[in-house]
Amino acid sequence: QVQLVESGGGSVQPGGSLRLSCAASRNIFRIYGTDWYRQAPGNQRELVAAITRAGSTNYADSVEGRFTISRDAVKNTVFLQMNNLKPEDTAVYYCRVTTNIATYWGQGTQVTVSS
């Protein structure tokens, strides 16, 4: 079993920045890739960013150049640095890890971008 806990969400004005964290209860980020998803009210959950076991990264077109995913395997934490935030980035953000046994989600952290 793996527990994932997101933190770092909040309310910011357009153009602002936030850094989300996803902390794992076990040292899994050396072994498995990690994804950040988000879900806005009335919308499906969508993939925002991903980092593979090898450290390769991918981003949704809507956040490319503004968001950066990274990890600190020693601290069992994956980060999502979000810059130049836009109102359309408002959503609950979740981290996800898929192992060879199961898929784990965190509880989510709310990000609100509004003037």
C-alpha atoms as a PDB file:
ATOM      1  CA  GLN A   1       0.000   0.000   0.000  1.00  0.00           C
ATOM      2  CA  VAL A   2       1.161   3.514  -0.837  1.00  0.00           C
ATOM      3  CA  GLN A   3      -0.189   6.793   0.490  1.00  0.00           C
ATOM      4  CA  LEU A   4       0.256   9.950  -1.512  1.00  0.00           C
ATOM      5  CA  VAL A   5      -0.296  13.361   0.054  1.00  0.00           C
ATOM      6  CA  GLU A   6      -0.436  16.521  -2.016  1.00  0.00           C
ATOM      7  CA  SER A   7       0.152  19.985  -0.616  1.00  0.00           C
ATOM      8  CA  GLY A   8       0.971  23.485  -1.775  1.00  0.00           C
ATOM      9  CA  GLY A   9      -2.303  24.497  -3.333  1.00  0.00           C
ATOM     10  CA  GLY A  10      -3.938  27.836  -2.709  1.00  0.00           C
ATOM     11  CA  SER A  11      -5.351  30.970  -4.262  1.00  0.00           C
ATOM     12  CA  VAL A  12      -3.247  33.210  -6.478  1.00  0.00           C
ATOM     13  CA  GLN A  13      -3.771  35.975  -8.966  1.00  0.00           C
ATOM     14  CA  PRO A  14      -3.205  35.438 -12.686  1.00  0.00           C
ATOM     15  CA  GLY A  15       0.490  35.443 -13.426  1.00  0.00           C
ATOM     16  CA  GLY A  16       1.359  34.083 -10.015  1.00  0.00           C
ATOM     17  CA  SER A  17       3.168  30.889  -9.065  1.00  0.00           C
ATOM     18  CA  LEU A  18       2.617  27.886  -6.856  1.00  0.00           C
ATOM     19  CA  ARG A  19       4.681  24.816  -6.082  1.00  0.00           C
ATOM     20  CA  LEU A  20       2.772  21.616  -5.431  1.00  0.00           C
ATOM     21  CA  SER A  21       4.282  18.681  -3.577  1.00  0.00           C
ATOM     22  CA  CYS A  22       3.356  15.018  -3.588  1.00  0.00           C
ATOM     23  CA  ALA A  23       4.837  13.067  -0.705  1.00  0.00           C
ATOM     24  CA  ALA A  24       4.816   9.265  -0.727  1.00  0.00           C
ATOM     25  CA  SER A  25       4.701   6.953   2.266  1.00  0.00           C
ATOM     26  CA  ARG A  26       7.283   4.691   0.670  1.00  0.00           C
ATOM     27  CA  ASN A  27      10.376   5.194  -1.441  1.00  0.00           C
ATOM     28  CA  ILE A  28       8.695   4.540  -4.781  1.00  0.00           C
ATOM     29  CA  PHE A  29       9.743   7.428  -6.939  1.00  0.00           C
ATOM     30  CA  ARG A  30      13.042   5.734  -7.759  1.00  0.00           C
ATOM     31  CA  ILE A  31      11.071   2.814  -9.163  1.00  0.00           C
ATOM     32  CA  TYR A  32       7.953   4.229 -10.793  1.00  0.00           C
ATOM     33  CA  GLY A  33       7.002   7.253 -12.776  1.00  0.00           C
ATOM     34  CA  THR A  34       4.627   9.854 -11.396  1.00  0.00           C
ATOM     35  CA  ASP A  35       1.861  11.895 -12.972  1.00  0.00           C
ATOM     36  CA  TRP A  36       0.093  15.092 -12.034  1.00  0.00           C
ATOM     37  CA  TYR A  37      -3.556  15.322 -13.025  1.00  0.00           C
ATOM     38  CA  ARG A  38      -6.118  18.044 -12.501  1.00  0.00           C
ATOM     39  CA  GLN A  39      -9.878  18.204 -12.505  1.00  0.00           C
ATOM     40  CA  ALA A  40     -11.926  21.357 -12.832  1.00  0.00           C
ATOM     41  CA  PRO A  41     -15.644  21.418 -11.912  1.00  0.00           C
ATOM     42  CA  GLY A  42     -17.702  19.775 -14.637  1.00  0.00           C
ATOM     43  CA  ASN A  43     -14.619  18.514 -16.451  1.00  0.00           C
ATOM     44  CA  GLN A  44     -12.908  15.169 -16.718  1.00  0.00           C
ATOM     45  CA  ARG A  45      -9.642  14.594 -14.950  1.00  0.00           C
ATOM     46  CA  GLU A  46      -6.801  15.440 -17.302  1.00  0.00           C
ATOM     47  CA  LEU A  47      -3.097  14.669 -17.360  1.00  0.00           C
ATOM     48  CA  VAL A  48      -0.977  17.747 -16.767  1.00  0.00           C
ATOM     49  CA  ALA A  49       2.576  16.482 -16.411  1.00  0.00           C
ATOM     50  CA  ALA A  50       4.467  13.229 -16.071  1.00  0.00           C
ATOM     51  CA  ILE A  51       7.925  12.127 -15.081  1.00  0.00           C
ATOM     52  CA  THR A  52       9.224   8.669 -15.857  1.00  0.00           C
ATOM     53  CA  ARG A  53      11.444   6.474 -13.737  1.00  0.00           C
ATOM     54  CA  ALA A  54      14.358   7.589 -15.892  1.00  0.00           C
ATOM     55  CA  GLY A  55      13.503  11.233 -15.370  1.00  0.00           C
ATOM     56  CA  SER A  56      12.000  12.052 -18.735  1.00  0.00           C
ATOM     57  CA  THR A  57       9.176  14.564 -18.583  1.00  0.00           C
ATOM     58  CA  ASN A  58       6.070  15.291 -20.610  1.00  0.00           C
ATOM     59  CA  TYR A  59       3.507  18.059 -20.392  1.00  0.00           C
ATOM     60  CA  ALA A  60       0.062  18.863 -21.651  1.00  0.00           C
ATOM     61  CA  ASP A  61       0.134  21.480 -24.381  1.00  0.00           C
ATOM     62  CA  SER A  62      -1.840  23.853 -22.172  1.00  0.00           C
ATOM     63  CA  VAL A  63       0.926  23.991 -19.531  1.00  0.00           C
ATOM     64  CA  GLU A  64       4.055  23.468 -21.622  1.00  0.00           C
ATOM     65  CA  GLY A  65       6.619  26.138 -20.796  1.00  0.00           C
ATOM     66  CA  ARG A  66       4.813  27.192 -17.608  1.00  0.00           C
ATOM     67  CA  PHE A  67       4.813  24.042 -15.442  1.00  0.00           C
ATOM     68  CA  THR A  68       7.776  21.925 -14.425  1.00  0.00           C
ATOM     69  CA  ILE A  69       7.622  18.480 -12.845  1.00  0.00           C
ATOM     70  CA  SER A  70      10.560  17.277 -10.791  1.00  0.00           C
ATOM     71  CA  ARG A  71      11.318  14.886  -7.979  1.00  0.00           C
ATOM     72  CA  ASP A  72      13.494  14.415  -4.936  1.00  0.00           C
ATOM     73  CA  ALA A  73      13.805  10.662  -4.591  1.00  0.00           C
ATOM     74  CA  VAL A  74      15.657  10.979  -1.285  1.00  0.00           C
ATOM     75  CA  LYS A  75      12.711  12.859   0.221  1.00  0.00           C
ATOM     76  CA  ASN A  76      10.133  10.669  -1.570  1.00  0.00           C
ATOM     77  CA  THR A  77       8.552  13.786  -3.039  1.00  0.00           C
ATOM     78  CA  VAL A  78       7.513  14.890  -6.505  1.00  0.00           C
ATOM     79  CA  PHE A  79       6.932  18.565  -7.261  1.00  0.00           C
ATOM     80  CA  LEU A  80       4.943  20.562  -9.757  1.00  0.00           C
ATOM     81  CA  GLN A  81       6.220  24.104 -10.161  1.00  0.00           C
ATOM     82  CA  MET A  82       3.497  26.215 -11.751  1.00  0.00           C
ATOM     83  CA  ASN A  83       4.376  29.644 -13.115  1.00  0.00           C
ATOM     84  CA  ASN A  84       2.380  32.266 -14.980  1.00  0.00           C
ATOM     85  CA  LEU A  85      -0.839  30.759 -13.715  1.00  0.00           C
ATOM     86  CA  LYS A  86      -4.039  31.424 -15.601  1.00  0.00           C
ATOM     87  CA  PRO A  87      -7.683  31.275 -14.479  1.00  0.00           C
ATOM     88  CA  GLU A  88      -8.125  28.148 -16.597  1.00  0.00           C
ATOM     89  CA  ASP A  89      -5.561  26.402 -14.392  1.00  0.00           C
ATOM     90  CA  THR A  90      -8.094  26.451 -11.551  1.00  0.00           C
ATOM     91  CA  ALA A  91      -8.715  22.855 -10.521  1.00  0.00           C
ATOM     92  CA  VAL A  92      -8.034  20.200  -7.940  1.00  0.00           C
ATOM     93  CA  TYR A  93      -4.586  18.761  -8.615  1.00  0.00           C
ATOM     94  CA  TYR A  94      -3.797  15.119  -7.945  1.00  0.00           C
ATOM     95  CA  CYS A  95      -0.647  13.057  -8.123  1.00  0.00           C
ATOM     96  CA  ARG A  96      -0.757   9.472  -9.307  1.00  0.00           C
ATOM     97  CA  VAL A  97       1.643   6.565  -9.238  1.00  0.00           C
ATOM     98  CA  THR A  98       1.066   3.311 -11.096  1.00  0.00           C
ATOM     99  CA  THR A  99       3.006   0.327  -9.817  1.00  0.00           C
ATOM    100  CA  ASN A 100       2.965  -3.261 -11.035  1.00  0.00           C
ATOM    101  CA  ILE A 101       0.273  -3.947  -8.425  1.00  0.00           C
ATOM    102  CA  ALA A 102      -2.039  -0.964  -8.340  1.00  0.00           C
ATOM    103  CA  THR A 103      -2.609   2.689  -9.152  1.00  0.00           C
ATOM    104  CA  TYR A 104      -2.489   5.153  -6.283  1.00  0.00           C
ATOM    105  CA  TRP A 105      -3.948   8.633  -6.066  1.00  0.00           C
ATOM    106  CA  GLY A 106      -3.562  11.368  -3.542  1.00  0.00           C
ATOM    107  CA  GLN A 107      -6.487  13.261  -2.055  1.00  0.00           C
ATOM    108  CA  GLY A 108      -5.878  16.337  -4.176  1.00  0.00           C
ATOM    109  CA  THR A 109      -5.025  19.962  -3.500  1.00  0.00           C
ATOM    110  CA  GLN A 110      -7.092  22.918  -4.689  1.00  0.00           C
ATOM    111  CA  VAL A 111      -5.556  25.564  -6.928  1.00  0.00           C
ATOM    112  CA  THR A 112      -7.590  28.696  -7.599  1.00  0.00           C
ATOM    113  CA  VAL A 113      -6.399  31.390  -9.974  1.00  0.00           C
ATOM    114  CA  SER A 114      -8.504  34.511  -9.842  1.00  0.00           C
ATOM    115  CA  SER A 115      -8.156  38.265  -9.775  1.00  0.00           C
END
